Amino acid sequence: MAKKSGAAGRRSVPTTRNRILLPALIAGVILLAAIAFAAVALYQRGNPATVQALPLEISPTEAAVQRNAGAFMLDVREPGEWTQFHVPGATLIPLGQLAERMNEVPQDREIVVMCRTGYRSAQARDILLKAGYPRVTSIAGGITAWRAQGLSTVAGE
């Protein structure tokens, strides 16, 4: 009978080194997975993209609810239109000045943008969304629709 030789004939006997390395390797993989999971969770918590977006447009009554809940009301009309009437508590930044004055618009609040009929406010909304503002919407029909619903406005500066 021929004697078996080489690695094929040998039985692997666990060494002390192998008995320590395998559990250490498993523990390392589990630790890396836990770190990766925690990193993803932290990123998502601080990432504006994980904040639920607002609809692109909302009705004037929905905008009034947002205003009462503390939303930043941004009017992008011109100063002459603003002095005729505007929403109480709104901030005027004409559309043509928005790019230079974005630092005046808070990123940590919902933003409701308005103009006279909704065209300029949709443009301003899109500018803010592209600039990374997470929760921006505009009023469908603008301040004209706001007034038609009987919602309050004020005149003057």
N, C-alpha and C. Protein backbone atom coordinates (compact mmCIF):
# COMPACT_ATOMS: atom_id res chain seq x y z
N MET A 1 0.84 -1.16 0.00
CA MET A 1 0.00 0.00 0.00
C MET A 1 0.89 1.23 0.00
N ALA A 2 0.51 2.20 -0.85
CA ALA A 2 1.33 3.39 -0.98
C ALA A 2 0.99 4.36 0.14
N LYS A 3 2.01 5.00 0.59
CA LYS A 3 1.85 5.99 1.62
C LYS A 3 1.44 7.32 1.02
N LYS A 4 0.45 7.99 1.62
CA LYS A 4 0.05 9.31 1.13
C LYS A 4 1.06 10.33 1.59
N SER A 5 1.38 11.21 0.67
CA SER A 5 2.34 12.24 1.05
C SER A 5 1.83 13.60 0.62
N GLY A 6 2.34 14.61 1.14
CA GLY A 6 2.00 15.99 0.78
C GLY A 6 0.81 16.51 1.57
N ALA A 7 0.32 17.66 1.13
CA ALA A 7 -0.75 18.37 1.84
C ALA A 7 -2.08 17.66 1.76
N ALA A 8 -2.31 16.91 0.68
CA ALA A 8 -3.61 16.27 0.52
C ALA A 8 -3.83 15.20 1.57
N GLY A 9 -2.81 14.64 2.05
CA GLY A 9 -2.98 13.57 3.02
C GLY A 9 -2.97 14.05 4.46
N ARG A 10 -2.66 15.29 4.70
CA ARG A 10 -2.56 15.79 6.08
C ARG A 10 -3.89 16.32 6.56
N ARG A 11 -4.16 16.12 7.81
CA ARG A 11 -5.34 16.72 8.44
C ARG A 11 -4.93 18.05 9.05
N SER A 12 -5.84 19.00 8.92
CA SER A 12 -5.56 20.31 9.49
C SER A 12 -5.87 20.26 10.98
N VAL A 13 -4.93 20.62 11.74
CA VAL A 13 -5.11 20.66 13.19
C VAL A 13 -5.16 22.13 13.58
N PRO A 14 -6.26 22.54 14.20
CA PRO A 14 -6.34 23.95 14.59
C PRO A 14 -5.23 24.30 15.57
N THR A 15 -4.57 25.37 15.25
CA THR A 15 -3.52 25.84 16.14
C THR A 15 -4.09 26.93 17.02
N THR A 16 -3.37 27.28 18.03
CA THR A 16 -3.80 28.36 18.93
C THR A 16 -3.95 29.65 18.14
N ARG A 17 -3.05 29.84 17.21
CA ARG A 17 -3.08 31.06 16.39
C ARG A 17 -4.38 31.11 15.58
N ASN A 18 -4.77 30.00 14.94
CA ASN A 18 -6.00 29.96 14.15
C ASN A 18 -7.23 30.14 15.02
N ARG A 19 -7.19 29.58 16.22
CA ARG A 19 -8.33 29.72 17.13
C ARG A 19 -8.52 31.16 17.60
N ILE A 20 -7.51 31.95 17.60
CA ILE A 20 -7.60 33.36 17.99
C ILE A 20 -7.92 34.23 16.79
N LEU A 21 -7.33 33.94 15.64
CA LEU A 21 -7.52 34.78 14.46
C LEU A 21 -8.95 34.76 13.93
N LEU A 22 -9.58 33.62 13.89
CA LEU A 22 -10.93 33.53 13.33
C LEU A 22 -11.93 34.38 14.11
N PRO A 23 -12.03 34.25 15.43
CA PRO A 23 -12.96 35.13 16.17
C PRO A 23 -12.59 36.61 16.04
N ALA A 24 -11.30 36.93 15.99
CA ALA A 24 -10.87 38.32 15.84
C ALA A 24 -11.29 38.86 14.48
N LEU A 25 -11.17 38.02 13.45
CA LEU A 25 -11.59 38.42 12.11
C LEU A 25 -13.09 38.66 12.06
N ILE A 26 -13.87 37.78 12.64
CA ILE A 26 -15.33 37.94 12.67
C ILE A 26 -15.69 39.20 13.45
N ALA A 27 -15.06 39.42 14.59
CA ALA A 27 -15.33 40.63 15.38
C ALA A 27 -14.98 41.88 14.59
N GLY A 28 -13.89 41.85 13.84
CA GLY A 28 -13.50 43.00 13.02
C GLY A 28 -14.52 43.31 11.94
N VAL A 29 -15.02 42.27 11.28
CA VAL A 29 -16.04 42.46 10.24
C VAL A 29 -17.31 43.05 10.84
N ILE A 30 -17.73 42.53 12.00
CA ILE A 30 -18.92 43.05 12.67
C ILE A 30 -18.72 44.50 13.07
N LEU A 31 -17.55 44.83 13.59
CA LEU A 31 -17.24 46.21 13.98
C LEU A 31 -17.28 47.14 12.78
N LEU A 32 -16.69 46.75 11.66
CA LEU A 32 -16.72 47.57 10.45
C LEU A 32 -18.15 47.77 9.95
N ALA A 33 -18.96 46.73 10.01
CA ALA A 33 -20.36 46.85 9.59
C ALA A 33 -21.10 47.82 10.49
N ALA A 34 -20.86 47.76 11.79
CA ALA A 34 -21.51 48.67 12.73
C ALA A 34 -21.09 50.11 12.48
N ILE A 35 -19.81 50.33 12.21
CA ILE A 35 -19.31 51.68 11.92
C ILE A 35 -19.94 52.21 10.64
N ALA A 36 -20.01 51.37 9.62
CA ALA A 36 -20.62 51.79 8.35
C ALA A 36 -22.09 52.13 8.54
N PHE A 37 -22.81 51.32 9.30
CA PHE A 37 -24.22 51.59 9.56
C PHE A 37 -24.39 52.91 10.30
N ALA A 38 -23.57 53.14 11.32
CA ALA A 38 -23.65 54.39 12.09
C ALA A 38 -23.32 55.59 11.21
N ALA A 39 -22.34 55.46 10.34
CA ALA A 39 -21.97 56.57 9.45
C ALA A 39 -23.11 56.92 8.51
N VAL A 40 -23.75 55.91 7.95
CA VAL A 40 -24.89 56.16 7.05
C VAL A 40 -26.02 56.82 7.82
N ALA A 41 -26.31 56.34 9.02
CA ALA A 41 -27.40 56.92 9.83
C ALA A 41 -27.11 58.38 10.16
N LEU A 42 -25.88 58.69 10.54
CA LEU A 42 -25.53 60.08 10.86
C LEU A 42 -25.60 60.97 9.63
N TYR A 43 -25.15 60.45 8.49
CA TYR A 43 -25.20 61.23 7.26
C TYR A 43 -26.65 61.55 6.90
N GLN A 44 -27.51 60.57 6.99
CA GLN A 44 -28.91 60.79 6.62
C GLN A 44 -29.60 61.74 7.58
N ARG A 45 -29.26 61.69 8.86
CA ARG A 45 -29.89 62.59 9.81
C ARG A 45 -29.53 64.04 9.54
N GLY A 46 -28.29 64.30 9.13
CA GLY A 46 -27.85 65.66 8.87
C GLY A 46 -27.95 66.07 7.42
N ASN A 47 -28.41 65.18 6.56
CA ASN A 47 -28.46 65.45 5.13
C ASN A 47 -29.83 66.01 4.75
N PRO A 48 -29.88 67.24 4.18
CA PRO A 48 -31.16 67.81 3.79
C PRO A 48 -31.92 66.95 2.79
N ALA A 49 -31.23 66.14 2.02
CA ALA A 49 -31.92 65.32 1.04
C ALA A 49 -32.83 64.30 1.70
N THR A 50 -32.60 63.99 2.98
CA THR A 50 -33.45 63.02 3.66
C THR A 50 -34.68 63.68 4.26
N VAL A 51 -34.73 65.02 4.27
CA VAL A 51 -35.90 65.73 4.74
C VAL A 51 -36.97 65.64 3.66
N GLN A 52 -38.17 65.33 4.07
CA GLN A 52 -39.23 65.18 3.09
C GLN A 52 -39.51 66.52 2.41
N ALA A 53 -39.46 66.51 1.10
CA ALA A 53 -39.67 67.73 0.32
C ALA A 53 -41.13 68.14 0.38
N LEU A 54 -41.34 69.44 0.22
CA LEU A 54 -42.70 69.97 0.12
C LEU A 54 -43.18 69.83 -1.31
N PRO A 55 -44.50 69.85 -1.53
CA PRO A 55 -44.98 69.88 -2.92
C PRO A 55 -44.48 71.16 -3.59
N LEU A 56 -44.37 71.13 -4.91
CA LEU A 56 -43.88 72.31 -5.62
C LEU A 56 -44.79 73.51 -5.42
N GLU A 57 -46.09 73.28 -5.39
CA GLU A 57 -47.05 74.35 -5.15
C GLU A 57 -48.06 73.91 -4.10
N ILE A 58 -48.52 74.90 -3.35
CA ILE A 58 -49.59 74.66 -2.38
C ILE A 58 -50.65 75.73 -2.56
N SER A 59 -51.83 75.45 -2.07
CA SER A 59 -52.93 76.41 -2.17
C SER A 59 -52.69 77.56 -1.20
N PRO A 60 -53.37 78.68 -1.40
CA PRO A 60 -53.23 79.78 -0.45
C PRO A 60 -53.61 79.39 0.98
N THR A 61 -54.65 78.58 1.15
CA THR A 61 -55.03 78.18 2.50
C THR A 61 -53.96 77.28 3.13
N GLU A 62 -53.35 76.41 2.33
CA GLU A 62 -52.25 75.60 2.86
C GLU A 62 -51.06 76.49 3.21
N ALA A 63 -50.83 77.52 2.40
CA ALA A 63 -49.75 78.46 2.69
C ALA A 63 -50.01 79.22 3.99
N ALA A 64 -51.27 79.57 4.25
CA ALA A 64 -51.62 80.25 5.50
C ALA A 64 -51.34 79.34 6.70
N VAL A 65 -51.63 78.06 6.55
CA VAL A 65 -51.35 77.10 7.62
C VAL A 65 -49.83 77.03 7.85
N GLN A 66 -49.07 76.98 6.76
CA GLN A 66 -47.60 76.94 6.87
C GLN A 66 -47.08 78.21 7.55
N ARG A 67 -47.64 79.35 7.18
CA ARG A 67 -47.23 80.63 7.78
C ARG A 67 -47.48 80.60 9.28
N ASN A 68 -48.67 80.14 9.67
CA ASN A 68 -49.01 80.09 11.10
C ASN A 68 -48.14 79.10 11.86
N ALA A 69 -47.59 78.12 11.15
CA ALA A 69 -46.71 77.12 11.78
C ALA A 69 -45.25 77.59 11.81
N GLY A 70 -44.97 78.78 11.30
CA GLY A 70 -43.62 79.33 11.37
C GLY A 70 -42.81 79.31 10.09
N ALA A 71 -43.44 79.03 8.97
CA ALA A 71 -42.72 79.03 7.69
C ALA A 71 -42.23 80.44 7.37
N PHE A 72 -41.13 80.51 6.66
CA PHE A 72 -40.58 81.78 6.18
C PHE A 72 -41.35 82.14 4.90
N MET A 73 -42.02 83.27 4.92
CA MET A 73 -42.82 83.72 3.79
C MET A 73 -41.98 84.69 2.97
N LEU A 74 -41.67 84.29 1.74
CA LEU A 74 -40.80 85.07 0.86
C LEU A 74 -41.60 85.62 -0.30
N ASP A 75 -41.63 86.93 -0.41
CA ASP A 75 -42.33 87.61 -1.50
C ASP A 75 -41.27 88.07 -2.49
N VAL A 76 -41.39 87.66 -3.76
CA VAL A 76 -40.37 87.99 -4.75
C VAL A 76 -40.86 89.04 -5.76
N ARG A 77 -41.90 89.78 -5.39
CA ARG A 77 -42.38 90.85 -6.26
C ARG A 77 -41.46 92.07 -6.15
N GLU A 78 -41.80 93.09 -6.88
CA GLU A 78 -41.04 94.34 -6.84
C GLU A 78 -41.56 95.23 -5.71
N PRO A 79 -40.74 96.18 -5.22
CA PRO A 79 -41.15 97.03 -4.09
C PRO A 79 -42.48 97.77 -4.30
N GLY A 80 -42.75 98.23 -5.52
CA GLY A 80 -44.02 98.92 -5.76
C GLY A 80 -45.22 98.01 -5.57
N GLU A 81 -45.10 96.76 -5.97
CA GLU A 81 -46.18 95.79 -5.77
C GLU A 81 -46.34 95.49 -4.27
N TRP A 82 -45.21 95.38 -3.59
CA TRP A 82 -45.20 95.07 -2.16
C TRP A 82 -45.95 96.13 -1.36
N THR A 83 -45.68 97.42 -1.66
CA THR A 83 -46.31 98.48 -0.87
C THR A 83 -47.83 98.54 -1.08
N GLN A 84 -48.32 98.10 -2.25
CA GLN A 84 -49.77 98.05 -2.47
C GLN A 84 -50.42 97.11 -1.47
N PHE A 85 -49.88 95.91 -1.34
CA PHE A 85 -50.33 94.94 -0.34
C PHE A 85 -49.38 93.76 -0.31
N HIS A 86 -49.26 93.17 0.87
CA HIS A 86 -48.43 91.98 1.04
C HIS A 86 -48.93 91.19 2.24
N VAL A 87 -48.43 89.99 2.38
CA VAL A 87 -48.80 89.11 3.49
C VAL A 87 -48.09 89.60 4.74
N PRO A 88 -48.82 89.75 5.83
CA PRO A 88 -48.16 90.17 7.08
C PRO A 88 -47.05 89.19 7.48
N GLY A 89 -45.90 89.75 7.84
CA GLY A 89 -44.78 88.93 8.26
C GLY A 89 -43.90 88.41 7.14
N ALA A 90 -44.28 88.67 5.89
CA ALA A 90 -43.49 88.20 4.76
C ALA A 90 -42.22 89.05 4.62
N THR A 91 -41.25 88.50 3.93
CA THR A 91 -40.00 89.20 3.63
C THR A 91 -39.93 89.46 2.13
N LEU A 92 -39.60 90.69 1.76
CA LEU A 92 -39.50 91.05 0.35
C LEU A 92 -38.05 90.91 -0.12
N ILE A 93 -37.86 90.04 -1.10
CA ILE A 93 -36.59 89.96 -1.84
C ILE A 93 -37.00 89.79 -3.30
N PRO A 94 -36.95 90.87 -4.09
CA PRO A 94 -37.36 90.75 -5.50
C PRO A 94 -36.58 89.64 -6.21
N LEU A 95 -37.25 88.97 -7.13
CA LEU A 95 -36.65 87.84 -7.85
C LEU A 95 -35.28 88.20 -8.43
N GLY A 96 -35.14 89.38 -8.99
CA GLY A 96 -33.87 89.80 -9.59
C GLY A 96 -32.74 89.94 -8.59
N GLN A 97 -33.04 90.02 -7.29
CA GLN A 97 -32.03 90.17 -6.25
C GLN A 97 -31.79 88.88 -5.45
N LEU A 98 -32.58 87.86 -5.73
CA LEU A 98 -32.54 86.65 -4.90
C LEU A 98 -31.16 86.00 -4.86
N ALA A 99 -30.49 85.90 -5.99
CA ALA A 99 -29.18 85.24 -6.03
C ALA A 99 -28.17 85.92 -5.10
N GLU A 100 -28.19 87.26 -5.04
CA GLU A 100 -27.24 87.99 -4.19
C GLU A 100 -27.67 88.01 -2.73
N ARG A 101 -28.95 87.76 -2.46
CA ARG A 101 -29.47 87.91 -1.09
C ARG A 101 -29.91 86.58 -0.47
N MET A 102 -29.45 85.48 -1.02
CA MET A 102 -29.86 84.17 -0.49
C MET A 102 -29.49 83.98 0.97
N ASN A 103 -28.45 84.68 1.43
CA ASN A 103 -28.06 84.57 2.83
C ASN A 103 -29.15 85.09 3.78
N GLU A 104 -30.13 85.81 3.26
CA GLU A 104 -31.24 86.31 4.07
C GLU A 104 -32.37 85.28 4.19
N VAL A 105 -32.27 84.19 3.45
CA VAL A 105 -33.30 83.16 3.46
C VAL A 105 -32.80 82.00 4.33
N PRO A 106 -33.53 81.67 5.40
CA PRO A 106 -33.07 80.60 6.29
C PRO A 106 -33.18 79.22 5.64
N GLN A 107 -32.20 78.37 5.92
CA GLN A 107 -32.24 77.01 5.38
C GLN A 107 -32.88 76.02 6.35
N ASP A 108 -33.11 76.44 7.59
CA ASP A 108 -33.63 75.52 8.60
C ASP A 108 -35.14 75.65 8.82
N ARG A 109 -35.82 76.35 7.94
CA ARG A 109 -37.28 76.50 8.04
C ARG A 109 -37.92 76.19 6.70
N GLU A 110 -39.21 75.90 6.74
CA GLU A 110 -39.94 75.75 5.50
C GLU A 110 -40.07 77.14 4.88
N ILE A 111 -40.00 77.19 3.55
CA ILE A 111 -40.07 78.46 2.84
C ILE A 111 -41.26 78.41 1.89
N VAL A 112 -42.12 79.42 1.99
CA VAL A 112 -43.24 79.56 1.07
C VAL A 112 -42.99 80.82 0.25
N VAL A 113 -42.86 80.64 -1.06
CA VAL A 113 -42.53 81.75 -1.95
C VAL A 113 -43.82 82.22 -2.63
N MET A 114 -43.92 83.54 -2.78
CA MET A 114 -45.10 84.10 -3.45
C MET A 114 -44.70 85.26 -4.35
N CYS A 115 -45.53 85.49 -5.36
CA CYS A 115 -45.43 86.67 -6.21
C CYS A 115 -46.88 87.08 -6.50
N ARG A 116 -47.12 87.78 -7.60
CA ARG A 116 -48.49 88.21 -7.89
C ARG A 116 -49.37 87.05 -8.33
N THR A 117 -48.90 86.25 -9.31
CA THR A 117 -49.75 85.18 -9.86
C THR A 117 -49.14 83.78 -9.78
N GLY A 118 -47.89 83.65 -9.38
CA GLY A 118 -47.27 82.35 -9.23
C GLY A 118 -46.14 82.04 -10.18
N TYR A 119 -45.94 82.85 -11.22
CA TYR A 119 -44.89 82.58 -12.19
C TYR A 119 -43.50 82.86 -11.61
N ARG A 120 -43.30 84.06 -11.07
CA ARG A 120 -41.99 84.41 -10.50
C ARG A 120 -41.67 83.59 -9.26
N SER A 121 -42.71 83.28 -8.47
CA SER A 121 -42.45 82.49 -7.26
C SER A 121 -42.00 81.07 -7.62
N ALA A 122 -42.52 80.51 -8.71
CA ALA A 122 -42.06 79.19 -9.16
C ALA A 122 -40.59 79.25 -9.57
N GLN A 123 -40.19 80.34 -10.22
CA GLN A 123 -38.78 80.51 -10.59
C GLN A 123 -37.91 80.61 -9.34
N ALA A 124 -38.35 81.42 -8.37
CA ALA A 124 -37.59 81.59 -7.13
C ALA A 124 -37.51 80.27 -6.36
N ARG A 125 -38.61 79.56 -6.31
CA ARG A 125 -38.63 78.24 -5.64
C ARG A 125 -37.58 77.32 -6.26
N ASP A 126 -37.55 77.27 -7.59
CA ASP A 126 -36.60 76.39 -8.27
C ASP A 126 -35.15 76.83 -8.03
N ILE A 127 -34.91 78.13 -7.97
CA ILE A 127 -33.57 78.64 -7.66
C ILE A 127 -33.14 78.18 -6.28
N LEU A 128 -34.03 78.30 -5.31
CA LEU A 128 -33.71 77.90 -3.94
C LEU A 128 -33.50 76.39 -3.82
N LEU A 129 -34.34 75.62 -4.49
CA LEU A 129 -34.17 74.16 -4.46
C LEU A 129 -32.84 73.75 -5.06
N LYS A 130 -32.46 74.37 -6.18
CA LYS A 130 -31.17 74.05 -6.81
C LYS A 130 -30.00 74.49 -5.95
N ALA A 131 -30.21 75.51 -5.13
CA ALA A 131 -29.15 76.00 -4.24
C ALA A 131 -29.03 75.16 -2.97
N GLY A 132 -29.89 74.15 -2.82
CA GLY A 132 -29.78 73.25 -1.68
C GLY A 132 -30.75 73.50 -0.55
N TYR A 133 -31.69 74.42 -0.73
CA TYR A 133 -32.70 74.63 0.30
C TYR A 133 -33.64 73.43 0.28
N PRO A 134 -33.81 72.75 1.42
CA PRO A 134 -34.52 71.47 1.40
C PRO A 134 -36.04 71.54 1.35
N ARG A 135 -36.65 72.57 1.91
CA ARG A 135 -38.12 72.58 2.02
C ARG A 135 -38.67 73.91 1.51
N VAL A 136 -38.93 73.94 0.20
CA VAL A 136 -39.40 75.16 -0.45
C VAL A 136 -40.63 74.83 -1.29
N THR A 137 -41.61 75.71 -1.25
CA THR A 137 -42.80 75.57 -2.07
C THR A 137 -43.24 76.97 -2.51
N SER A 138 -44.19 77.02 -3.42
CA SER A 138 -44.73 78.32 -3.83
C SER A 138 -46.25 78.26 -3.79
N ILE A 139 -46.85 79.43 -3.74
CA ILE A 139 -48.31 79.52 -3.66
C ILE A 139 -48.88 79.48 -5.07
N ALA A 140 -49.75 78.52 -5.33
CA ALA A 140 -50.45 78.44 -6.62
C ALA A 140 -51.34 79.67 -6.77
N GLY A 141 -51.14 80.40 -7.85
CA GLY A 141 -51.95 81.60 -8.07
C GLY A 141 -51.43 82.84 -7.38
N GLY A 142 -50.37 82.71 -6.60
CA GLY A 142 -49.73 83.86 -5.97
C GLY A 142 -50.60 84.59 -4.96
N ILE A 143 -50.18 85.83 -4.69
CA ILE A 143 -50.90 86.63 -3.70
C ILE A 143 -52.28 87.04 -4.22
N THR A 144 -52.46 87.00 -5.54
CA THR A 144 -53.79 87.26 -6.10
C THR A 144 -54.77 86.20 -5.60
N ALA A 145 -54.37 84.94 -5.65
CA ALA A 145 -55.22 83.86 -5.15
C ALA A 145 -55.35 83.94 -3.63
N TRP A 146 -54.29 84.35 -2.95
CA TRP A 146 -54.32 84.53 -1.49
C TRP A 146 -55.44 85.51 -1.12
N ARG A 147 -55.46 86.66 -1.78
CA ARG A 147 -56.49 87.68 -1.49
C ARG A 147 -57.88 87.19 -1.88
N ALA A 148 -57.97 86.49 -3.00
CA ALA A 148 -59.27 85.97 -3.45
C ALA A 148 -59.87 85.00 -2.43
N GLN A 149 -59.03 84.35 -1.65
CA GLN A 149 -59.50 83.43 -0.60
C GLN A 149 -59.86 84.18 0.68
N GLY A 150 -59.68 85.50 0.68
CA GLY A 150 -60.02 86.30 1.86
C GLY A 150 -58.96 86.27 2.94
N LEU A 151 -57.75 85.86 2.60
CA LEU A 151 -56.67 85.81 3.58
C LEU A 151 -56.09 87.21 3.76
N SER A 152 -55.54 87.47 4.94
CA SER A 152 -55.15 88.84 5.29
C SER A 152 -53.93 89.34 4.53
N THR A 153 -53.99 90.63 4.21
CA THR A 153 -52.86 91.36 3.64
C THR A 153 -52.79 92.72 4.33
N VAL A 154 -51.63 93.34 4.20
CA VAL A 154 -51.44 94.69 4.71
C VAL A 154 -50.84 95.53 3.60
N ALA A 155 -51.00 96.85 3.73
CA ALA A 155 -50.45 97.79 2.74
C ALA A 155 -49.29 98.55 3.36
N GLY A 156 -48.45 99.13 2.51
CA GLY A 156 -47.33 99.95 2.97
C GLY A 156 -46.07 99.15 3.16
N GLU A 157 -45.10 99.83 3.75
CA GLU A 157 -43.79 99.21 3.95
C GLU A 157 -43.96 98.13 4.97
